[in-house]
PDB file of N, CA and C in Angstrom:
ATOM      1  N   MET A   1     -17.106 236.559 -15.100  1.00  0.00           N
ATOM      2  CA  MET A   1     -16.039 237.484 -14.835  1.00  0.00           C
ATOM      3  C   MET A   1     -16.541 238.896 -15.128  1.00  0.00           C
ATOM      4  N   LEU A   2     -16.262 239.772 -14.200  1.00  0.00           N
ATOM      5  CA  LEU A   2     -16.653 241.170 -14.332  1.00  0.00           C
ATOM      6  C   LEU A   2     -15.445 242.000 -14.748  1.00  0.00           C
ATOM      7  N   THR A   3     -15.681 243.048 -15.482  1.00  0.00           N
ATOM      8  CA  THR A   3     -14.607 243.984 -15.810  1.00  0.00           C
ATOM      9  C   THR A   3     -15.106 245.402 -15.564  1.00  0.00           C
ATOM     10  N   THR A   4     -14.183 246.269 -15.175  1.00  0.00           N
ATOM     11  CA  THR A   4     -14.536 247.662 -14.942  1.00  0.00           C
ATOM     12  C   THR A   4     -13.280 248.522 -15.035  1.00  0.00           C
ATOM     13  N   THR A   5     -13.478 249.806 -14.946  1.00  0.00           N
ATOM     14  CA  THR A   5     -12.364 250.742 -14.883  1.00  0.00           C
ATOM     15  C   THR A   5     -12.135 251.107 -13.416  1.00  0.00           C
ATOM     16  N   LEU A   6     -11.002 251.671 -13.132  1.00  0.00           N
ATOM     17  CA  LEU A   6     -10.702 252.080 -11.770  1.00  0.00           C
ATOM     18  C   LEU A   6     -11.695 253.139 -11.292  1.00  0.00           C
ATOM     19  N   SER A   7     -12.061 254.066 -12.173  1.00  0.00           N
ATOM     20  CA  SER A   7     -13.021 255.116 -11.804  1.00  0.00           C
ATOM     21  C   SER A   7     -14.376 254.529 -11.421  1.00  0.00           C
ATOM     22  N   ASP A   8     -14.881 253.610 -12.250  1.00  0.00           N
ATOM     23  CA  ASP A   8     -16.175 252.990 -11.943  1.00  0.00           C
ATOM     24  C   ASP A   8     -16.097 252.134 -10.678  1.00  0.00           C
ATOM     25  N   PHE A   9     -14.967 251.458 -10.476  1.00  0.00           N
ATOM     26  CA  PHE A   9     -14.785 250.654  -9.276  1.00  0.00           C
ATOM     27  C   PHE A   9     -14.856 251.528  -8.032  1.00  0.00           C
ATOM     28  N   ARG A  10     -14.198 252.671  -8.068  1.00  0.00           N
ATOM     29  CA  ARG A  10     -14.221 253.590  -6.924  1.00  0.00           C
ATOM     30  C   ARG A  10     -15.634 254.072  -6.616  1.00  0.00           C
ATOM     31  N   LYS A  11     -16.420 254.318  -7.663  1.00  0.00           N
ATOM     32  CA  LYS A  11     -17.771 254.844  -7.484  1.00  0.00           C
ATOM     33  C   LYS A  11     -18.699 253.837  -6.809  1.00  0.00           C
ATOM     34  N   ASP A  12     -18.469 252.555  -7.049  1.00  0.00           N
ATOM     35  CA  ASP A  12     -19.422 251.542  -6.579  1.00  0.00           C
ATOM     36  C   ASP A  12     -18.701 250.344  -5.957  1.00  0.00           C
ATOM     37  N   ILE A  13     -17.715 250.598  -5.134  1.00  0.00           N
ATOM     38  CA  ILE A  13     -16.863 249.550  -4.576  1.00  0.00           C
ATOM     39  C   ILE A  13     -17.660 248.515  -3.764  1.00  0.00           C
ATOM     40  N   LYS A  14     -18.631 248.959  -2.987  1.00  0.00           N
ATOM     41  CA  LYS A  14     -19.410 248.026  -2.168  1.00  0.00           C
ATOM     42  C   LYS A  14     -20.184 247.042  -3.044  1.00  0.00           C
ATOM     43  N   ARG A  15     -20.810 247.520  -4.098  1.00  0.00           N
ATOM     44  CA  ARG A  15     -21.567 246.645  -4.992  1.00  0.00           C
ATOM     45  C   ARG A  15     -20.644 245.609  -5.640  1.00  0.00           C
ATOM     46  N   TYR A  16     -19.471 246.046  -6.064  1.00  0.00           N
ATOM     47  CA  TYR A  16     -18.517 245.112  -6.661  1.00  0.00           C
ATOM     48  C   TYR A  16     -18.074 244.058  -5.647  1.00  0.00           C
ATOM     49  N   PHE A  17     -17.750 244.487  -4.433  1.00  0.00           N
ATOM     50  CA  PHE A  17     -17.333 243.532  -3.406  1.00  0.00           C
ATOM     51  C   PHE A  17     -18.450 242.547  -3.083  1.00  0.00           C
ATOM     52  N   ASP A  18     -19.689 243.026  -3.025  1.00  0.00           N
ATOM     53  CA  ASP A  18     -20.828 242.141  -2.759  1.00  0.00           C
ATOM     54  C   ASP A  18     -20.963 241.092  -3.866  1.00  0.00           C
ATOM     55  N   GLN A  19     -20.855 241.527  -5.125  1.00  0.00           N
ATOM     56  CA  GLN A  19     -20.964 240.595  -6.252  1.00  0.00           C
ATOM     57  C   GLN A  19     -19.846 239.554  -6.215  1.00  0.00           C
ATOM     58  N   ILE A  20     -18.646 239.993  -5.914  1.00  0.00           N
ATOM     59  CA  ILE A  20     -17.492 239.095  -5.871  1.00  0.00           C
ATOM     60  C   ILE A  20     -17.664 238.053  -4.787  1.00  0.00           C
ATOM     61  N   SER A  21     -18.036 238.477  -3.590  1.00  0.00           N
ATOM     62  CA  SER A  21     -18.120 237.538  -2.469  1.00  0.00           C
ATOM     63  C   SER A  21     -19.361 236.648  -2.536  1.00  0.00           C
ATOM     64  N   GLN A  22     -20.471 237.152  -2.996  1.00  0.00           N
ATOM     65  CA  GLN A  22     -21.713 236.375  -3.009  1.00  0.00           C
ATOM     66  C   GLN A  22     -21.809 235.426  -4.195  1.00  0.00           C
ATOM     67  N   ASN A  23     -21.223 235.797  -5.324  1.00  0.00           N
ATOM     68  CA  ASN A  23     -21.397 235.024  -6.556  1.00  0.00           C
ATOM     69  C   ASN A  23     -20.109 234.355  -7.043  1.00  0.00           C
ATOM     70  N   PHE A  24     -19.070 234.366  -6.214  1.00  0.00           N
ATOM     71  CA  PHE A  24     -17.770 233.820  -6.602  1.00  0.00           C
ATOM     72  C   PHE A  24     -17.306 234.379  -7.944  1.00  0.00           C
ATOM     73  N   GLU A  25     -17.540 235.665  -8.127  1.00  0.00           N
ATOM     74  CA  GLU A  25     -17.114 236.355  -9.341  1.00  0.00           C
ATOM     75  C   GLU A  25     -15.654 236.747  -9.235  1.00  0.00           C
ATOM     76  N   THR A  26     -15.047 236.976 -10.369  1.00  0.00           N
ATOM     77  CA  THR A  26     -13.713 237.544 -10.450  1.00  0.00           C
ATOM     78  C   THR A  26     -13.863 238.891 -11.137  1.00  0.00           C
ATOM     79  N   LEU A  27     -13.208 239.905 -10.600  1.00  0.00           N
ATOM     80  CA  LEU A  27     -13.295 241.254 -11.155  1.00  0.00           C
ATOM     81  C   LEU A  27     -11.945 241.654 -11.708  1.00  0.00           C
ATOM     82  N   ILE A  28     -11.943 242.148 -12.939  1.00  0.00           N
ATOM     83  CA  ILE A  28     -10.731 242.699 -13.539  1.00  0.00           C
ATOM     84  C   ILE A  28     -10.915 244.200 -13.650  1.00  0.00           C
ATOM     85  N   ILE A  29      -9.972 244.928 -13.064  1.00  0.00           N
ATOM     86  CA  ILE A  29      -9.981 246.380 -13.159  1.00  0.00           C
ATOM     87  C   ILE A  29      -8.916 246.766 -14.175  1.00  0.00           C
ATOM     88  N   ASN A  30      -9.361 247.315 -15.306  1.00  0.00           N
ATOM     89  CA  ASN A  30      -8.432 247.723 -16.355  1.00  0.00           C
ATOM     90  C   ASN A  30      -7.691 248.986 -15.942  1.00  0.00           C
ATOM     91  N   ARG A  31      -6.372 248.975 -16.160  1.00  0.00           N
ATOM     92  CA  ARG A  31      -5.555 250.128 -15.785  1.00  0.00           C
ATOM     93  C   ARG A  31      -4.710 250.600 -16.956  1.00  0.00           C
ATOM     94  N   GLY A  32      -5.224 250.467 -18.134  1.00  0.00           N
ATOM     95  CA  GLY A  32      -4.478 250.894 -19.313  1.00  0.00           C
ATOM     96  C   GLY A  32      -4.116 249.698 -20.172  1.00  0.00           C
ATOM     97  N   LYS A  33      -3.329 249.961 -21.196  1.00  0.00           N
ATOM     98  CA  LYS A  33      -2.974 248.928 -22.168  1.00  0.00           C
ATOM     99  C   LYS A  33      -2.229 247.773 -21.495  1.00  0.00           C
ATOM    100  N   ASP A  34      -2.778 246.573 -21.622  1.00  0.00           N
ATOM    101  CA  ASP A  34      -2.167 245.350 -21.089  1.00  0.00           C
ATOM    102  C   ASP A  34      -1.832 245.421 -19.602  1.00  0.00           C
ATOM    103  N   SER A  35      -2.600 246.176 -18.855  1.00  0.00           N
ATOM    104  CA  SER A  35      -2.355 246.299 -17.427  1.00  0.00           C
ATOM    105  C   SER A  35      -3.684 246.195 -16.702  1.00  0.00           C
ATOM    106  N   GLY A  36      -3.673 245.508 -15.577  1.00  0.00           N
ATOM    107  CA  GLY A  36      -4.911 245.388 -14.826  1.00  0.00           C
ATOM    108  C   GLY A  36      -4.684 244.718 -13.491  1.00  0.00           C
ATOM    109  N   ILE A  37      -5.731 244.711 -12.714  1.00  0.00           N
ATOM    110  CA  ILE A  37      -5.732 244.121 -11.385  1.00  0.00           C
ATOM    111  C   ILE A  37      -6.893 243.124 -11.329  1.00  0.00           C
ATOM    112  N   VAL A  38      -6.675 241.992 -10.665  1.00  0.00           N
ATOM    113  CA  VAL A  38      -7.730 240.992 -10.494  1.00  0.00           C
ATOM    114  C   VAL A  38      -8.120 240.942  -9.025  1.00  0.00           C
ATOM    115  N   ILE A  39      -9.420 240.961  -8.767  1.00  0.00           N
ATOM    116  CA  ILE A  39      -9.946 240.843  -7.409  1.00  0.00           C
ATOM    117  C   ILE A  39     -10.863 239.624  -7.382  1.00  0.00           C
ATOM    118  N   MET A  40     -10.669 238.780  -6.356  1.00  0.00           N
ATOM    119  CA  MET A  40     -11.522 237.603  -6.190  1.00  0.00           C
ATOM    120  C   MET A  40     -11.767 237.382  -4.708  1.00  0.00           C
ATOM    121  N   SER A  41     -12.753 236.573  -4.409  1.00  0.00           N
ATOM    122  CA  SER A  41     -13.061 236.278  -3.008  1.00  0.00           C
ATOM    123  C   SER A  41     -11.942 235.445  -2.398  1.00  0.00           C
ATOM    124  N   LEU A  42     -11.850 235.481  -1.081  1.00  0.00           N
ATOM    125  CA  LEU A  42     -10.847 234.686  -0.379  1.00  0.00           C
ATOM    126  C   LEU A  42     -11.087 233.193  -0.615  1.00  0.00           C
ATOM    127  N   ALA A  43     -12.336 232.779  -0.634  1.00  0.00           N
ATOM    128  CA  ALA A  43     -12.654 231.368  -0.875  1.00  0.00           C
ATOM    129  C   ALA A  43     -12.163 230.927  -2.251  1.00  0.00           C
ATOM    130  N   GLU A  44     -12.370 231.766  -3.249  1.00  0.00           N
ATOM    131  CA  GLU A  44     -11.923 231.457  -4.608  1.00  0.00           C
ATOM    132  C   GLU A  44     -10.391 231.408  -4.678  1.00  0.00           C
ATOM    133  N   TYR A  45      -9.745 232.345  -4.016  1.00  0.00           N
ATOM    134  CA  TYR A  45      -8.287 232.380  -3.978  1.00  0.00           C
ATOM    135  C   TYR A  45      -7.731 231.128  -3.299  1.00  0.00           C
ATOM    136  N   ASN A  46      -8.305 230.761  -2.149  1.00  0.00           N
ATOM    137  CA  ASN A  46      -7.842 229.567  -1.438  1.00  0.00           C
ATOM    138  C   ASN A  46      -8.023 228.310  -2.277  1.00  0.00           C
ATOM    139  N   SER A  47      -9.112 228.229  -3.001  1.00  0.00           N
ATOM    140  CA  SER A  47      -9.356 227.089  -3.876  1.00  0.00           C
ATOM    141  C   SER A  47      -8.315 227.028  -4.986  1.00  0.00           C
ATOM    142  N   LEU A  48      -8.009 228.158  -5.558  1.00  0.00           N
ATOM    143  CA  LEU A  48      -7.006 228.240  -6.616  1.00  0.00           C
ATOM    144  C   LEU A  48      -5.629 227.827  -6.100  1.00  0.00           C
ATOM    145  N   LYS A  49      -5.267 228.294  -4.910  1.00  0.00           N
ATOM    146  CA  LYS A  49      -3.975 227.939  -4.324  1.00  0.00           C
ATOM    147  C   LYS A  49      -3.915 226.443  -3.997  1.00  0.00           C
ATOM    148  N   ALA A  50      -5.003 225.879  -3.498  1.00  0.00           N
ATOM    149  CA  ALA A  50      -5.032 224.449  -3.180  1.00  0.00           C
ATOM    150  C   ALA A  50      -4.858 223.617  -4.451  1.00  0.00           C
ATOM    151  N   THR A  51      -5.545 224.010  -5.513  1.00  0.00           N
ATOM    152  CA  THR A  51      -5.412 223.306  -6.789  1.00  0.00           C
ATOM    153  C   THR A  51      -3.977 223.410  -7.298  1.00  0.00           C
ATOM    154  N   HIS A  52      -3.411 224.585  -7.207  1.00  0.00           N
ATOM    155  CA  HIS A  52      -2.019 224.778  -7.644  1.00  0.00           C
ATOM    156  C   HIS A  52      -1.081 223.876  -6.848  1.00  0.00           C
ATOM    157  N   HIS A  53      -1.292 223.801  -5.548  1.00  0.00           N
ATOM    158  CA  HIS A  53      -0.450 222.947  -4.709  1.00  0.00           C
ATOM    159  C   HIS A  53      -0.594 221.480  -5.100  1.00  0.00           C
ATOM    160  N   GLU A  54      -1.826 221.036  -5.294  1.00  0.00           N
ATOM    161  CA  GLU A  54      -2.071 219.634  -5.635  1.00  0.00           C
ATOM    162  C   GLU A  54      -1.433 219.255  -6.972  1.00  0.00           C
ATOM    163  N   LEU A  55      -1.394 220.201  -7.892  1.00  0.00           N
ATOM    164  CA  LEU A  55      -0.840 219.907  -9.215  1.00  0.00           C
ATOM    165  C   LEU A  55       0.626 220.294  -9.350  1.00  0.00           C
ATOM    166  N   SER A  56       1.246 220.755  -8.253  1.00  0.00           N
ATOM    167  CA  SER A  56       2.620 221.241  -8.334  1.00  0.00           C
ATOM    168  C   SER A  56       3.652 220.117  -8.413  1.00  0.00           C
ATOM    169  N   SER A  57       3.289 218.923  -8.001  1.00  0.00           N
ATOM    170  CA  SER A  57       4.230 217.803  -8.139  1.00  0.00           C
ATOM    171  C   SER A  57       3.645 216.798  -9.125  1.00  0.00           C
ATOM    172  N   LYS A  58       4.521 216.199  -9.897  1.00  0.00           N
ATOM    173  CA  LYS A  58       4.099 215.223 -10.899  1.00  0.00           C
ATOM    174  C   LYS A  58       3.408 214.026 -10.233  1.00  0.00           C
ATOM    175  N   THR A  59       3.901 213.607  -9.063  1.00  0.00           N
ATOM    176  CA  THR A  59       3.310 212.474  -8.349  1.00  0.00           C
ATOM    177  C   THR A  59       1.865 212.770  -7.957  1.00  0.00           C
ATOM    178  N   ASN A  60       1.628 213.962  -7.383  1.00  0.00           N
ATOM    179  CA  ASN A  60       0.256 214.340  -7.015  1.00  0.00           C
ATOM    180  C   ASN A  60      -0.640 214.395  -8.240  1.00  0.00           C
ATOM    181  N   GLU A  61      -0.147 214.969  -9.307  1.00  0.00           N
ATOM    182  CA  GLU A  61      -0.933 215.077 -10.533  1.00  0.00           C
ATOM    183  C   GLU A  61      -1.321 213.694 -11.050  1.00  0.00           C
ATOM    184  N   GLU A  62      -0.379 212.748 -11.031  1.00  0.00           N
ATOM    185  CA  GLU A  62      -0.660 211.384 -11.501  1.00  0.00           C
ATOM    186  C   GLU A  62      -1.670 210.680 -10.600  1.00  0.00           C
ATOM    187  N   ARG A  63      -1.566 210.883  -9.285  1.00  0.00           N
ATOM    188  CA  ARG A  63      -2.535 210.285  -8.356  1.00  0.00           C
ATOM    189  C   ARG A  63      -3.939 210.817  -8.596  1.00  0.00           C
ATOM    190  N   LEU A  64      -4.045 212.132  -8.790  1.00  0.00           N
ATOM    191  CA  LEU A  64      -5.356 212.728  -9.052  1.00  0.00           C
ATOM    192  C   LEU A  64      -5.936 212.228 -10.364  1.00  0.00           C
ATOM    193  N   ASP A  65      -5.105 212.167 -11.406  1.00  0.00           N
ATOM    194  CA  ASP A  65      -5.570 211.661 -12.702  1.00  0.00           C
ATOM    195  C   ASP A  65      -6.046 210.218 -12.581  1.00  0.00           C
ATOM    196  N   SER A  66      -5.306 209.410 -11.820  1.00  0.00           N
ATOM    197  CA  SER A  66      -5.683 208.014 -11.625  1.00  0.00           C
ATOM    198  C   SER A  66      -7.020 207.909 -10.897  1.00  0.00           C
ATOM    199  N   ALA A  67      -7.196 208.713  -9.856  1.00  0.00           N
ATOM    200  CA  ALA A  67      -8.454 208.695  -9.099  1.00  0.00           C
ATOM    201  C   ALA A  67      -9.630 209.122  -9.974  1.00  0.00           C
ATOM    202  N   ILE A  68      -9.428 210.113 -10.801  1.00  0.00           N
ATOM    203  CA  ILE A  68     -10.492 210.575 -11.711  1.00  0.00           C
ATOM    204  C   ILE A  68     -10.864 209.472 -12.681  1.00  0.00           C
ATOM    205  N   GLN A  69      -9.864 208.788 -13.233  1.00  0.00           N
ATOM    206  CA  GLN A  69     -10.137 207.702 -14.171  1.00  0.00           C
ATOM    207  C   GLN A  69     -10.894 206.552 -13.500  1.00  0.00           C
ATOM    208  N   LYS A  70     -10.526 206.229 -12.254  1.00  0.00           N
ATOM    209  CA  LYS A  70     -11.233 205.170 -11.526  1.00  0.00           C
ATOM    210  C   LYS A  70     -12.699 205.543 -11.312  1.00  0.00           C
ATOM    211  N   LEU A  71     -12.944 206.808 -10.957  1.00  0.00           N
ATOM    212  CA  LEU A  71     -14.334 207.251 -10.772  1.00  0.00           C
ATOM    213  C   LEU A  71     -15.117 207.171 -12.066  1.00  0.00           C
ATOM    214  N   LYS A  72     -14.512 207.623 -13.155  1.00  0.00           N
ATOM    215  CA  LYS A  72     -15.199 207.627 -14.450  1.00  0.00           C
ATOM    216  C   LYS A  72     -15.480 206.220 -14.957  1.00  0.00           C
ATOM    217  N   SER A  73     -14.581 205.291 -14.678  1.00  0.00           N
ATOM    218  CA  SER A  73     -14.754 203.929 -15.182  1.00  0.00           C
ATOM    219  C   SER A  73     -15.554 203.037 -14.239  1.00  0.00           C
ATOM    220  N   GLY A  74     -15.959 203.580 -13.095  1.00  0.00           N
ATOM    221  CA  GLY A  74     -16.748 202.805 -12.148  1.00  0.00           C
ATOM    222  C   GLY A  74     -15.933 201.852 -11.299  1.00  0.00           C
ATOM    223  N   LYS A  75     -14.629 202.039 -11.251  1.00  0.00           N
ATOM    224  CA  LYS A  75     -13.757 201.159 -10.478  1.00  0.00           C
ATOM    225  C   LYS A  75     -13.465 201.705  -9.085  1.00  0.00           C
ATOM    226  N   SER A  76     -14.309 202.583  -8.628  1.00  0.00           N
ATOM    227  CA  SER A  76     -14.123 203.145  -7.291  1.00  0.00           C
ATOM    228  C   SER A  76     -14.981 202.363  -6.294  1.00  0.00           C
ATOM    229  N   PHE A  77     -14.739 202.591  -5.019  1.00  0.00           N
ATOM    230  CA  PHE A  77     -15.523 201.913  -3.988  1.00  0.00           C
ATOM    231  C   PHE A  77     -15.688 202.857  -2.814  1.00  0.00           C
ATOM    232  N   GLU A  78     -16.690 202.545  -1.996  1.00  0.00           N
ATOM    233  CA  GLU A  78     -16.990 203.357  -0.826  1.00  0.00           C
ATOM    234  C   GLU A  78     -16.480 202.664   0.416  1.00  0.00           C
ATOM    235  N   LYS A  79     -16.016 203.473   1.367  1.00  0.00           N
ATOM    236  CA  LYS A  79     -15.590 202.940   2.651  1.00  0.00           C
ATOM    237  C   LYS A  79     -16.346 203.672   3.740  1.00  0.00           C
ATOM    238  N   GLN A  80     -16.669 202.957   4.793  1.00  0.00           N
ATOM    239  CA  GLN A  80     -17.305 203.580   5.946  1.00  0.00           C
ATOM    240  C   GLN A  80     -16.224 204.170   6.842  1.00  0.00           C
ATOM    241  N   LEU A  81     -16.459 205.358   7.339  1.00  0.00           N
ATOM    242  CA  LEU A  81     -15.521 205.977   8.254  1.00  0.00           C
ATOM    243  C   LEU A  81     -15.750 205.460   9.667  1.00  0.00           C
ATOM    244  N   LEU A  82     -14.666 205.325  10.393  1.00  0.00           N
ATOM    245  CA  LEU A  82     -14.781 204.924  11.785  1.00  0.00           C
ATOM    246  C   LEU A  82     -15.319 206.086  12.605  1.00  0.00           C
ATOM    247  N   GLU A  83     -16.231 205.805  13.490  1.00  0.00           N
ATOM    248  CA  GLU A  83     -16.777 206.847  14.346  1.00  0.00           C
ATOM    249  C   GLU A  83     -16.090 206.794  15.684  1.00  0.00           C
ATOM    250  N   GLU A  84     -15.799 207.974  16.225  1.00  0.00           N
ATOM    251  CA  GLU A  84     -15.126 208.030  17.520  1.00  0.00           C
ATOM    252  C   GLU A  84     -16.109 208.115  18.639  1.00  0.00           C
TER     253      GLU A  84
END
């Protein structure tokens, strides 16, 4: 995670954007006491939203937890996909 001030961000905006997009970094721009802005890549944002959606219902959360436990305990299996 990167942090900077608004002034420094303005001076070197391209470098910050390059770091964020290439390295999946998150940038926090401090704007005073307990105030700030977070900048992240679109890919990182989409991943965060997908995770939030998957965990937003108790049923989905339980299914994911069950699948993780099956993988960890070796009780999973592989299936071949049908080819069209």
